[in-house]
Protein backbone atom coordinates (compact mmCIF):
# COMPACT_ATOMS: atom_id res chain seq x y z
CA MET A 1 0.03 0.00 -0.02
CA THR A 2 1.37 3.45 -0.99
CA HIS A 3 0.97 6.41 1.30
CA GLU A 4 1.21 10.14 0.70
CA ILE A 5 1.29 12.95 3.09
CA ASN A 6 -1.94 14.98 2.67
CA ASP A 7 -0.84 18.52 2.03
CA SER A 8 -4.07 20.01 3.16
CA THR A 9 -3.03 19.22 6.70
CA ASP A 10 -0.47 20.91 8.88
CA VAL A 11 3.06 20.60 7.60
CA HIS A 12 4.35 18.68 10.63
CA ALA A 13 4.63 14.93 9.98
CA ASP A 14 3.00 14.05 13.28
CA ASN A 15 -0.13 15.95 12.43
CA ALA A 16 -0.35 14.99 8.73
CA ALA A 17 -2.79 12.32 7.61
CA ASP A 18 -1.76 9.43 5.41
CA VAL A 19 -3.66 9.09 2.19
CA ASP A 20 -3.93 5.79 0.30
CA LEU A 21 -3.21 6.71 -3.32
CA GLU A 22 -5.31 3.73 -4.65
CA THR A 23 -8.59 4.95 -2.99
CA SER A 24 -7.96 8.66 -2.84
CA GLY A 25 -8.11 9.36 -6.54
CA LEU A 26 -4.64 10.94 -6.52
CA THR A 27 -2.26 10.04 -9.39
CA ALA A 28 1.33 9.30 -8.69
CA SER A 29 2.66 11.25 -11.62
CA PRO A 30 6.24 12.39 -11.58
CA THR A 31 4.99 15.98 -11.45
CA THR A 32 2.64 15.68 -8.46
CA VAL A 33 3.83 12.87 -6.32
CA LEU A 34 7.40 11.56 -5.50
CA THR A 35 7.49 7.77 -4.79
CA VAL A 36 10.13 5.29 -3.73
CA GLY A 37 11.64 3.87 -6.90
CA ASP A 38 11.28 7.13 -8.97
CA THR A 39 14.32 8.39 -10.84
CA VAL A 40 15.15 12.02 -9.98
CA TRP A 41 17.72 14.69 -10.61
CA VAL A 42 19.92 15.41 -7.57
CA ARG A 43 22.29 18.31 -6.87
CA GLY A 44 24.69 16.98 -4.24
CA ASN A 45 26.85 18.76 -1.76
CA PHE A 46 23.86 20.59 -0.32
CA GLY A 47 22.70 21.81 -3.81
CA THR A 48 26.11 23.10 -5.14
CA ASP A 49 27.15 20.08 -7.27
CA ALA A 50 26.04 19.54 -10.94
CA PRO A 51 22.86 17.66 -11.20
CA HIS A 52 22.98 13.81 -11.66
CA ARG A 53 20.31 11.08 -11.95
CA ASP A 54 19.58 8.86 -8.99
CA VAL A 55 16.85 6.47 -7.74
CA VAL A 56 14.81 7.10 -4.60
CA LEU A 57 15.23 4.31 -2.02
CA GLY A 58 13.42 5.98 0.87
CA LEU A 59 11.55 9.11 1.82
CA GLN A 60 11.12 10.69 5.22
CA VAL A 61 8.82 13.59 6.04
CA THR A 62 10.22 15.88 8.64
CA ARG A 63 8.66 18.24 11.25
CA GLY A 64 10.65 21.22 10.06
CA ARG A 65 12.51 22.41 7.06
CA ARG A 66 15.98 20.88 6.41
CA GLU A 67 15.75 18.42 9.25
CA LYS A 68 17.57 15.21 8.67
CA TYR A 69 15.21 12.64 10.22
CA GLY A 70 11.48 12.22 9.95
CA ARG A 71 8.68 9.68 9.44
CA ALA A 72 9.16 7.13 6.67
CA VAL A 73 6.59 7.26 3.90
CA ASP A 74 6.28 5.51 0.46
CA ALA A 75 5.22 8.68 -1.44
CA VAL A 76 4.94 12.40 -0.86
CA SER A 77 3.66 15.37 -2.88
CA TRP A 78 6.30 17.36 -4.81
CA ASP A 79 4.93 20.49 -3.02
CA ARG A 80 6.21 19.09 0.27
CA VAL A 81 9.47 18.05 -1.33
CA ARG A 82 9.96 21.66 -2.73
CA ASN A 83 9.12 23.19 0.60
CA ASN A 84 12.01 21.20 2.07
CA TYR A 85 10.03 18.91 4.47
CA VAL A 86 11.48 15.77 3.07
CA VAL A 87 14.64 13.77 3.19
CA VAL A 88 15.37 11.48 0.23
CA ASP A 89 17.59 8.34 0.54
CA LEU A 90 19.21 7.51 -2.77
CA GLU A 91 20.48 4.42 -4.55
CA SER A 92 23.99 5.94 -4.73
CA GLY A 93 24.15 5.65 -0.91
CA HIS A 94 23.74 9.33 -0.34
CA TRP A 95 20.77 11.35 1.00
CA ALA A 96 19.41 14.75 0.01
CA TYR A 97 17.16 17.40 1.26
CA GLY A 98 14.01 18.02 -0.72
CA GLU A 99 15.38 21.24 -2.28
CA GLN A 100 18.11 19.28 -3.88
CA VAL A 101 15.92 16.98 -5.81
CA THR A 102 13.81 17.67 -8.97
CA PRO A 103 11.63 15.27 -11.02
CA ASP A 104 13.20 13.28 -13.92
CA THR A 105 10.63 13.90 -16.59
CA THR A 106 12.76 12.22 -19.35
CA GLY A 107 11.55 8.77 -18.32
CA GLY A 108 15.04 7.83 -17.17
CA THR A 109 16.65 8.32 -20.55
CA GLN A 110 19.00 11.18 -21.67
C-alpha cells in the first residue's frame, strides 16, 4: 500500500494524515507525487554540485525544514518536497534534502 502525506493538513509529520493513493483518486505522476523507486535529478553537496540522476530508495517527512530525520513514507507530494520537509535516501548511498531533488521527466533516458 502506498501512502502520501496529505498537504491540506499541517506541515508537521505528526499531524499529517496518510492518504492511500489507490482509494484517494490521486495520481502518482512524476510532477505531483514523488514515490520510492522514482528516478530524480539530484544536486549533491547541499545543492552546489552539478545535477545527476539517482533512484529514490526511501523518503522521510520531517517536522521542520532541512531536518535530517522524519517519518518514513512511500510517497509524498512534490509541493512538500519543494518546501523542504522531505529527506530523500538515494540508490547511490547518499541522501538529499528536498530542495536538492527535482523530477526526472525524461523517463530515465538522456
